[in-house]
Amino acid sequence: MNFYIGNLAFGVTEKDLKELFIEFGEVASTKLITDKFSGQSKGFAFLEMPNNSDADKAIKALNGKTVQGRNIKITQVEENNKKRQKKRF
C-alpha cells in the first residue's frame, strides 16, 4: 500500500520516517519530497508498505501523531492517481 504523509516538520528525514513506520511492518520505500534547488524538504513524503494489513495498522496508529512538533497527516494513495501522475511528467 502506498500513502502520502503530509504536514512533516522540515527536519524529518527518510530515515526518521522509516524508523517510525518499521515497527508496524516492512517498509518497501520512502521518498521525502525536496526542493530541487535548495534540497529543503517540502514537508511531505510518500511511503510504501507491501503488506496492506501492516499499512492499515500504521495509518491508524500514526495519523495525527505529533512528530517533531507537528501533527502528521496520512492518506492512502490510489493506484489510478499514481499512474496518472506518472503520465503527466
PDB file of N, CA and C in Angstrom:
ATOM      1  N   MET A   1       0.848  -1.172   0.000  1.00  0.00           N
ATOM      2  CA  MET A   1       0.000   0.000   0.000  1.00  0.00           C
ATOM      3  C   MET A   1       0.895   1.237   0.000  1.00  0.00           C
ATOM      4  N   ASN A   2       0.538   2.198  -0.806  1.00  0.00           N
ATOM      5  CA  ASN A   2       1.269   3.461  -0.888  1.00  0.00           C
ATOM      6  C   ASN A   2       0.475   4.539  -0.176  1.00  0.00           C
ATOM      7  N   PHE A   3       1.189   5.407   0.537  1.00  0.00           N
ATOM      8  CA  PHE A   3       0.482   6.523   1.126  1.00  0.00           C
ATOM      9  C   PHE A   3       1.317   7.784   1.188  1.00  0.00           C
ATOM     10  N   TYR A   4       0.579   8.870   1.330  1.00  0.00           N
ATOM     11  CA  TYR A   4       1.099  10.225   1.405  1.00  0.00           C
ATOM     12  C   TYR A   4       1.177  10.606   2.875  1.00  0.00           C
ATOM     13  N   ILE A   5       2.274  11.228   3.272  1.00  0.00           N
ATOM     14  CA  ILE A   5       2.435  11.718   4.635  1.00  0.00           C
ATOM     15  C   ILE A   5       2.680  13.215   4.531  1.00  0.00           C
ATOM     16  N   GLY A   6       1.778  13.995   5.083  1.00  0.00           N
ATOM     17  CA  GLY A   6       1.878  15.446   4.996  1.00  0.00           C
ATOM     18  C   GLY A   6       2.062  16.105   6.350  1.00  0.00           C
ATOM     19  N   ASN A   7       2.287  17.403   6.309  1.00  0.00           N
ATOM     20  CA  ASN A   7       2.497  18.244   7.483  1.00  0.00           C
ATOM     21  C   ASN A   7       3.736  17.824   8.264  1.00  0.00           C
ATOM     22  N   LEU A   8       4.771  17.411   7.534  1.00  0.00           N
ATOM     23  CA  LEU A   8       6.018  16.998   8.171  1.00  0.00           C
ATOM     24  C   LEU A   8       6.855  18.219   8.543  1.00  0.00           C
ATOM     25  N   ALA A   9       7.524  18.130   9.671  1.00  0.00           N
ATOM     26  CA  ALA A   9       8.499  19.158  10.041  1.00  0.00           C
ATOM     27  C   ALA A   9       9.631  19.106   9.019  1.00  0.00           C
ATOM     28  N   PHE A  10      10.250  20.237   8.748  1.00  0.00           N
ATOM     29  CA  PHE A  10      11.287  20.284   7.721  1.00  0.00           C
ATOM     30  C   PHE A  10      12.527  19.486   8.109  1.00  0.00           C
ATOM     31  N   GLY A  11      12.688  19.158   9.387  1.00  0.00           N
ATOM     32  CA  GLY A  11      13.836  18.390   9.846  1.00  0.00           C
ATOM     33  C   GLY A  11      13.671  16.884   9.744  1.00  0.00           C
ATOM     34  N   VAL A  12      12.482  16.412   9.395  1.00  0.00           N
ATOM     35  CA  VAL A  12      12.232  14.970   9.284  1.00  0.00           C
ATOM     36  C   VAL A  12      12.973  14.422   8.064  1.00  0.00           C
ATOM     37  N   THR A  13      13.650  13.281   8.247  1.00  0.00           N
ATOM     38  CA  THR A  13      14.392  12.642   7.157  1.00  0.00           C
ATOM     39  C   THR A  13      13.696  11.349   6.731  1.00  0.00           C
ATOM     40  N   GLU A  14      14.126  10.789   5.608  1.00  0.00           N
ATOM     41  CA  GLU A  14      13.591   9.499   5.160  1.00  0.00           C
ATOM     42  C   GLU A  14      13.877   8.423   6.203  1.00  0.00           C
ATOM     43  N   LYS A  15      15.033   8.492   6.823  1.00  0.00           N
ATOM     44  CA  LYS A  15      15.394   7.535   7.869  1.00  0.00           C
ATOM     45  C   LYS A  15      14.422   7.646   9.048  1.00  0.00           C
ATOM     46  N   ASP A  16      14.077   8.870   9.437  1.00  0.00           N
ATOM     47  CA  ASP A  16      13.112   9.082  10.527  1.00  0.00           C
ATOM     48  C   ASP A  16      11.775   8.431  10.197  1.00  0.00           C
ATOM     49  N   LEU A  17      11.322   8.620   8.963  1.00  0.00           N
ATOM     50  CA  LEU A  17      10.041   8.050   8.546  1.00  0.00           C
ATOM     51  C   LEU A  17      10.083   6.529   8.578  1.00  0.00           C
ATOM     52  N   LYS A  18      11.159   5.967   8.058  1.00  0.00           N
ATOM     53  CA  LYS A  18      11.286   4.506   8.039  1.00  0.00           C
ATOM     54  C   LYS A  18      11.269   3.956   9.461  1.00  0.00           C
ATOM     55  N   GLU A  19      12.005   4.600  10.367  1.00  0.00           N
ATOM     56  CA  GLU A  19      12.035   4.157  11.759  1.00  0.00           C
ATOM     57  C   GLU A  19      10.661   4.262  12.418  1.00  0.00           C
ATOM     58  N   LEU A  20       9.906   5.267  12.046  1.00  0.00           N
ATOM     59  CA  LEU A  20       8.570   5.465  12.599  1.00  0.00           C
ATOM     60  C   LEU A  20       7.609   4.361  12.154  1.00  0.00           C
ATOM     61  N   PHE A  21       7.707   3.959  10.883  1.00  0.00           N
ATOM     62  CA  PHE A  21       6.769   3.001  10.308  1.00  0.00           C
ATOM     63  C   PHE A  21       7.207   1.547  10.444  1.00  0.00           C
ATOM     64  N   ILE A  22       8.498   1.301  10.598  1.00  0.00           N
ATOM     65  CA  ILE A  22       9.024  -0.073  10.605  1.00  0.00           C
ATOM     66  C   ILE A  22       8.462  -0.894  11.759  1.00  0.00           C
ATOM     67  N   GLU A  23       8.068  -0.255  12.844  1.00  0.00           N
ATOM     68  CA  GLU A  23       7.522  -1.020  13.969  1.00  0.00           C
ATOM     69  C   GLU A  23       6.185  -1.680  13.631  1.00  0.00           C
ATOM     70  N   PHE A  24       5.565  -1.273  12.530  1.00  0.00           N
ATOM     71  CA  PHE A  24       4.286  -1.854  12.112  1.00  0.00           C
ATOM     72  C   PHE A  24       4.461  -2.906  11.021  1.00  0.00           C
ATOM     73  N   GLY A  25       5.646  -2.975  10.425  1.00  0.00           N
ATOM     74  CA  GLY A  25       5.901  -3.958   9.372  1.00  0.00           C
ATOM     75  C   GLY A  25       6.956  -3.452   8.411  1.00  0.00           C
ATOM     76  N   GLU A  26       7.154  -4.228   7.353  1.00  0.00           N
ATOM     77  CA  GLU A  26       8.185  -3.904   6.356  1.00  0.00           C
ATOM     78  C   GLU A  26       7.857  -2.608   5.620  1.00  0.00           C
ATOM     79  N   VAL A  27       8.876  -1.785   5.438  1.00  0.00           N
ATOM     80  CA  VAL A  27       8.750  -0.563   4.650  1.00  0.00           C
ATOM     81  C   VAL A  27       9.536  -0.788   3.362  1.00  0.00           C
ATOM     82  N   ALA A  28       8.835  -0.786   2.237  1.00  0.00           N
ATOM     83  CA  ALA A  28       9.480  -1.058   0.947  1.00  0.00           C
ATOM     84  C   ALA A  28      10.240   0.161   0.433  1.00  0.00           C
ATOM     85  N   SER A  29       9.664   1.357   0.614  1.00  0.00           N
ATOM     86  CA  SER A  29      10.342   2.558   0.127  1.00  0.00           C
ATOM     87  C   SER A  29       9.813   3.798   0.832  1.00  0.00           C
ATOM     88  N   THR A  30      10.660   4.808   0.884  1.00  0.00           N
ATOM     89  CA  THR A  30      10.261   6.129   1.376  1.00  0.00           C
ATOM     90  C   THR A  30      10.816   7.156   0.410  1.00  0.00           C
ATOM     91  N   LYS A  31      10.054   8.204   0.188  1.00  0.00           N
ATOM     92  CA  LYS A  31      10.509   9.274  -0.708  1.00  0.00           C
ATOM     93  C   LYS A  31      10.080  10.607  -0.118  1.00  0.00           C
ATOM     94  N   LEU A  32      11.039  11.294   0.499  1.00  0.00           N
ATOM     95  CA  LEU A  32      10.803  12.626   1.023  1.00  0.00           C
ATOM     96  C   LEU A  32      10.924  13.610  -0.131  1.00  0.00           C
ATOM     97  N   ILE A  33       9.936  14.445  -0.317  1.00  0.00           N
ATOM     98  CA  ILE A  33       9.941  15.390  -1.432  1.00  0.00           C
ATOM     99  C   ILE A  33      10.694  16.649  -1.010  1.00  0.00           C
ATOM    100  N   THR A  34      11.675  17.018  -1.829  1.00  0.00           N
ATOM    101  CA  THR A  34      12.503  18.181  -1.520  1.00  0.00           C
ATOM    102  C   THR A  34      12.513  19.163  -2.683  1.00  0.00           C
ATOM    103  N   ASP A  35      12.869  20.399  -2.376  1.00  0.00           N
ATOM    104  CA  ASP A  35      13.026  21.431  -3.389  1.00  0.00           C
ATOM    105  C   ASP A  35      14.261  21.104  -4.226  1.00  0.00           C
ATOM    106  N   LYS A  36      14.134  21.125  -5.533  1.00  0.00           N
ATOM    107  CA  LYS A  36      15.247  20.700  -6.385  1.00  0.00           C
ATOM    108  C   LYS A  36      16.425  21.671  -6.363  1.00  0.00           C
ATOM    109  N   PHE A  37      16.207  22.898  -5.945  1.00  0.00           N
ATOM    110  CA  PHE A  37      17.306  23.865  -5.909  1.00  0.00           C
ATOM    111  C   PHE A  37      17.979  23.929  -4.540  1.00  0.00           C
ATOM    112  N   SER A  38      17.185  24.004  -3.489  1.00  0.00           N
ATOM    113  CA  SER A  38      17.765  24.159  -2.150  1.00  0.00           C
ATOM    114  C   SER A  38      17.982  22.837  -1.422  1.00  0.00           C
ATOM    115  N   GLY A  39      17.262  21.779  -1.847  1.00  0.00           N
ATOM    116  CA  GLY A  39      17.345  20.498  -1.152  1.00  0.00           C
ATOM    117  C   GLY A  39      16.509  20.460   0.114  1.00  0.00           C
ATOM    118  N   GLN A  40      15.840  21.564   0.436  1.00  0.00           N
ATOM    119  CA  GLN A  40      15.000  21.669   1.636  1.00  0.00           C
ATOM    120  C   GLN A  40      13.726  20.831   1.462  1.00  0.00           C
ATOM    121  N   SER A  41      13.334  20.149   2.517  1.00  0.00           N
ATOM    122  CA  SER A  41      12.099  19.363   2.492  1.00  0.00           C
ATOM    123  C   SER A  41      10.915  20.271   2.178  1.00  0.00           C
ATOM    124  N   LYS A  42       9.957  19.730   1.445  1.00  0.00           N
ATOM    125  CA  LYS A  42       8.722  20.465   1.171  1.00  0.00           C
ATOM    126  C   LYS A  42       7.638  20.135   2.186  1.00  0.00           C
ATOM    127  N   GLY A  43       7.959  19.264   3.151  1.00  0.00           N
ATOM    128  CA  GLY A  43       7.010  18.958   4.220  1.00  0.00           C
ATOM    129  C   GLY A  43       6.070  17.802   3.933  1.00  0.00           C
ATOM    130  N   PHE A  44       6.384  16.998   2.906  1.00  0.00           N
ATOM    131  CA  PHE A  44       5.568  15.810   2.659  1.00  0.00           C
ATOM    132  C   PHE A  44       6.419  14.708   2.043  1.00  0.00           C
ATOM    133  N   ALA A  45       5.886  13.490   2.118  1.00  0.00           N
ATOM    134  CA  ALA A  45       6.622  12.326   1.629  1.00  0.00           C
ATOM    135  C   ALA A  45       5.644  11.256   1.173  1.00  0.00           C
ATOM    136  N   PHE A  46       6.179  10.266   0.483  1.00  0.00           N
ATOM    137  CA  PHE A  46       5.420   9.091   0.085  1.00  0.00           C
ATOM    138  C   PHE A  46       6.128   7.871   0.661  1.00  0.00           C
ATOM    139  N   LEU A  47       5.352   6.903   1.107  1.00  0.00           N
ATOM    140  CA  LEU A  47       5.910   5.700   1.722  1.00  0.00           C
ATOM    141  C   LEU A  47       5.123   4.498   1.226  1.00  0.00           C
ATOM    142  N   GLU A  48       5.820   3.381   1.059  1.00  0.00           N
ATOM    143  CA  GLU A  48       5.163   2.160   0.599  1.00  0.00           C
ATOM    144  C   GLU A  48       5.436   1.031   1.576  1.00  0.00           C
ATOM    145  N   MET A  49       4.363   0.334   1.947  1.00  0.00           N
ATOM    146  CA  MET A  49       4.448  -0.874   2.770  1.00  0.00           C
ATOM    147  C   MET A  49       3.783  -1.991   1.976  1.00  0.00           C
ATOM    148  N   PRO A  50       4.473  -3.114   1.740  1.00  0.00           N
ATOM    149  CA  PRO A  50       3.918  -4.172   0.901  1.00  0.00           C
ATOM    150  C   PRO A  50       2.729  -4.914   1.515  1.00  0.00           C
ATOM    151  N   ASN A  51       2.656  -4.969   2.830  1.00  0.00           N
ATOM    152  CA  ASN A  51       1.569  -5.686   3.491  1.00  0.00           C
ATOM    153  C   ASN A  51       0.460  -4.698   3.873  1.00  0.00           C
ATOM    154  N   ASN A  52      -0.711  -4.844   3.244  1.00  0.00           N
ATOM    155  CA  ASN A  52      -1.814  -3.908   3.483  1.00  0.00           C
ATOM    156  C   ASN A  52      -2.292  -3.904   4.925  1.00  0.00           C
ATOM    157  N   SER A  53      -2.274  -5.053   5.570  1.00  0.00           N
ATOM    158  CA  SER A  53      -2.697  -5.140   6.960  1.00  0.00           C
ATOM    159  C   SER A  53      -1.764  -4.324   7.861  1.00  0.00           C
ATOM    160  N   ASP A  54      -0.464  -4.452   7.632  1.00  0.00           N
ATOM    161  CA  ASP A  54       0.518  -3.672   8.388  1.00  0.00           C
ATOM    162  C   ASP A  54       0.343  -2.177   8.117  1.00  0.00           C
ATOM    163  N   ALA A  55       0.108  -1.846   6.858  1.00  0.00           N
ATOM    164  CA  ALA A  55      -0.067  -0.441   6.476  1.00  0.00           C
ATOM    165  C   ALA A  55      -1.298   0.156   7.148  1.00  0.00           C
ATOM    166  N   ASP A  56      -2.394  -0.595   7.191  1.00  0.00           N
ATOM    167  CA  ASP A  56      -3.606  -0.107   7.865  1.00  0.00           C
ATOM    168  C   ASP A  56      -3.346   0.167   9.337  1.00  0.00           C
ATOM    169  N   LYS A  57      -2.616  -0.731   9.981  1.00  0.00           N
ATOM    170  CA  LYS A  57      -2.279  -0.543  11.406  1.00  0.00           C
ATOM    171  C   LYS A  57      -1.435   0.708  11.598  1.00  0.00           C
ATOM    172  N   ALA A  58      -0.477   0.911  10.709  1.00  0.00           N
ATOM    173  CA  ALA A  58       0.401   2.080  10.800  1.00  0.00           C
ATOM    174  C   ALA A  58      -0.390   3.373  10.626  1.00  0.00           C
ATOM    175  N   ILE A  59      -1.278   3.397   9.646  1.00  0.00           N
ATOM    176  CA  ILE A  59      -2.080   4.595   9.395  1.00  0.00           C
ATOM    177  C   ILE A  59      -2.954   4.913  10.612  1.00  0.00           C
ATOM    178  N   LYS A  60      -3.625   3.894  11.146  1.00  0.00           N
ATOM    179  CA  LYS A  60      -4.494   4.111  12.304  1.00  0.00           C
ATOM    180  C   LYS A  60      -3.717   4.609  13.516  1.00  0.00           C
ATOM    181  N   ALA A  61      -2.510   4.085  13.709  1.00  0.00           N
ATOM    182  CA  ALA A  61      -1.709   4.457  14.878  1.00  0.00           C
ATOM    183  C   ALA A  61      -1.014   5.809  14.720  1.00  0.00           C
ATOM    184  N   LEU A  62      -0.625   6.151  13.492  1.00  0.00           N
ATOM    185  CA  LEU A  62       0.224   7.325  13.307  1.00  0.00           C
ATOM    186  C   LEU A  62      -0.474   8.561  12.745  1.00  0.00           C
ATOM    187  N   ASN A  63      -1.627   8.404  12.119  1.00  0.00           N
ATOM    188  CA  ASN A  63      -2.325   9.562  11.560  1.00  0.00           C
ATOM    189  C   ASN A  63      -2.692  10.525  12.685  1.00  0.00           C
ATOM    190  N   GLY A  64      -2.210  11.749  12.594  1.00  0.00           N
ATOM    191  CA  GLY A  64      -2.474  12.761  13.612  1.00  0.00           C
ATOM    192  C   GLY A  64      -1.445  12.782  14.736  1.00  0.00           C
ATOM    193  N   LYS A  65      -0.509  11.848  14.714  1.00  0.00           N
ATOM    194  CA  LYS A  65       0.525  11.785  15.753  1.00  0.00           C
ATOM    195  C   LYS A  65       1.486  12.965  15.609  1.00  0.00           C
ATOM    196  N   THR A  66       1.962  13.466  16.741  1.00  0.00           N
ATOM    197  CA  THR A  66       2.930  14.555  16.725  1.00  0.00           C
ATOM    198  C   THR A  66       4.321  13.998  16.489  1.00  0.00           C
ATOM    199  N   VAL A  67       4.956  14.482  15.421  1.00  0.00           N
ATOM    200  CA  VAL A  67       6.317  14.087  15.068  1.00  0.00           C
ATOM    201  C   VAL A  67       7.120  15.369  14.902  1.00  0.00           C
ATOM    202  N   GLN A  68       8.122  15.527  15.728  1.00  0.00           N
ATOM    203  CA  GLN A  68       8.959  16.733  15.736  1.00  0.00           C
ATOM    204  C   GLN A  68       8.105  18.008  15.787  1.00  0.00           C
ATOM    205  N   GLY A  69       7.094  17.975  16.650  1.00  0.00           N
ATOM    206  CA  GLY A  69       6.285  19.168  16.895  1.00  0.00           C
ATOM    207  C   GLY A  69       5.139  19.416  15.936  1.00  0.00           C
ATOM    208  N   ARG A  70       4.910  18.529  14.979  1.00  0.00           N
ATOM    209  CA  ARG A  70       3.807  18.721  14.020  1.00  0.00           C
ATOM    210  C   ARG A  70       2.962  17.466  13.945  1.00  0.00           C
ATOM    211  N   ASN A  71       1.660  17.647  13.812  1.00  0.00           N
ATOM    212  CA  ASN A  71       0.735  16.513  13.676  1.00  0.00           C
ATOM    213  C   ASN A  71       0.717  16.069  12.224  1.00  0.00           C
ATOM    214  N   ILE A  72       1.225  14.856  11.971  1.00  0.00           N
ATOM    215  CA  ILE A  72       1.308  14.376  10.591  1.00  0.00           C
ATOM    216  C   ILE A  72      -0.049  13.910  10.087  1.00  0.00           C
ATOM    217  N   LYS A  73      -0.232  13.988   8.791  1.00  0.00           N
ATOM    218  CA  LYS A  73      -1.470  13.594   8.129  1.00  0.00           C
ATOM    219  C   LYS A  73      -1.128  12.502   7.131  1.00  0.00           C
ATOM    220  N   ILE A  74      -1.794  11.357   7.247  1.00  0.00           N
ATOM    221  CA  ILE A  74      -1.511  10.217   6.371  1.00  0.00           C
ATOM    222  C   ILE A  74      -2.764   9.845   5.590  1.00  0.00           C
ATOM    223  N   THR A  75      -2.620   9.712   4.287  1.00  0.00           N
ATOM    224  CA  THR A  75      -3.728   9.266   3.438  1.00  0.00           C
ATOM    225  C   THR A  75      -3.203   8.255   2.427  1.00  0.00           C
ATOM    226  N   GLN A  76      -4.046   7.306   2.099  1.00  0.00           N
ATOM    227  CA  GLN A  76      -3.687   6.289   1.117  1.00  0.00           C
ATOM    228  C   GLN A  76      -3.681   6.898  -0.275  1.00  0.00           C
ATOM    229  N   VAL A  77      -2.694   6.512  -1.069  1.00  0.00           N
ATOM    230  CA  VAL A  77      -2.601   6.961  -2.463  1.00  0.00           C
ATOM    231  C   VAL A  77      -3.246   5.890  -3.327  1.00  0.00           C
ATOM    232  N   GLU A  78      -4.215   6.283  -4.117  1.00  0.00           N
ATOM    233  CA  GLU A  78      -4.874   5.330  -5.004  1.00  0.00           C
ATOM    234  C   GLU A  78      -3.980   5.045  -6.195  1.00  0.00           C
ATOM    235  N   GLU A  79      -3.948   3.802  -6.629  1.00  0.00           N
ATOM    236  CA  GLU A  79      -3.091   3.385  -7.743  1.00  0.00           C
ATOM    237  C   GLU A  79      -3.409   4.143  -9.030  1.00  0.00           C
ATOM    238  N   ASN A  80      -4.702   4.429  -9.289  1.00  0.00           N
ATOM    239  CA  ASN A  80      -5.067   5.150 -10.515  1.00  0.00           C
ATOM    240  C   ASN A  80      -4.475   6.545 -10.526  1.00  0.00           C
ATOM    241  N   ASN A  81      -4.481   7.237  -9.378  1.00  0.00           N
ATOM    242  CA  ASN A  81      -3.893   8.569  -9.301  1.00  0.00           C
ATOM    243  C   ASN A  81      -2.396   8.511  -9.520  1.00  0.00           C
ATOM    244  N   LYS A  82      -1.761   7.488  -8.996  1.00  0.00           N
ATOM    245  CA  LYS A  82      -0.315   7.320  -9.142  1.00  0.00           C
ATOM    246  C   LYS A  82       0.045   7.165 -10.617  1.00  0.00           C
ATOM    247  N   LYS A  83      -0.716   6.367 -11.359  1.00  0.00           N
ATOM    248  CA  LYS A  83      -0.450   6.154 -12.781  1.00  0.00           C
ATOM    249  C   LYS A  83      -0.665   7.451 -13.565  1.00  0.00           C
ATOM    250  N   ARG A  84      -1.713   8.205 -13.209  1.00  0.00           N
ATOM    251  CA  ARG A  84      -1.992   9.470 -13.886  1.00  0.00           C
ATOM    252  C   ARG A  84      -0.862  10.467 -13.658  1.00  0.00           C
ATOM    253  N   GLN A  85      -0.331  10.514 -12.442  1.00  0.00           N
ATOM    254  CA  GLN A  85       0.749  11.444 -12.131  1.00  0.00           C
ATOM    255  C   GLN A  85       1.989  11.113 -12.947  1.00  0.00           C
ATOM    256  N   LYS A  86       2.292   9.841 -13.143  1.00  0.00           N
ATOM    257  CA  LYS A  86       3.462   9.447 -13.928  1.00  0.00           C
ATOM    258  C   LYS A  86       3.309   9.908 -15.372  1.00  0.00           C
ATOM    259  N   LYS A  87       2.110   9.830 -15.925  1.00  0.00           N
ATOM    260  CA  LYS A  87       1.886  10.222 -17.315  1.00  0.00           C
ATOM    261  C   LYS A  87       2.068  11.725 -17.501  1.00  0.00           C
ATOM    262  N   ARG A  88       1.709  12.520 -16.474  1.00  0.00           N
ATOM    263  CA  ARG A  88       1.814  13.970 -16.574  1.00  0.00           C
ATOM    264  C   ARG A  88       3.260  14.429 -16.714  1.00  0.00           C
ATOM    265  N   PHE A  89       4.158  13.750 -16.070  1.00  0.00           N
ATOM    266  CA  PHE A  89       5.549  14.205 -16.042  1.00  0.00           C
ATOM    267  C   PHE A  89       6.282  13.465 -17.094  1.00  0.00           C
TER     268      PHE A  89
END
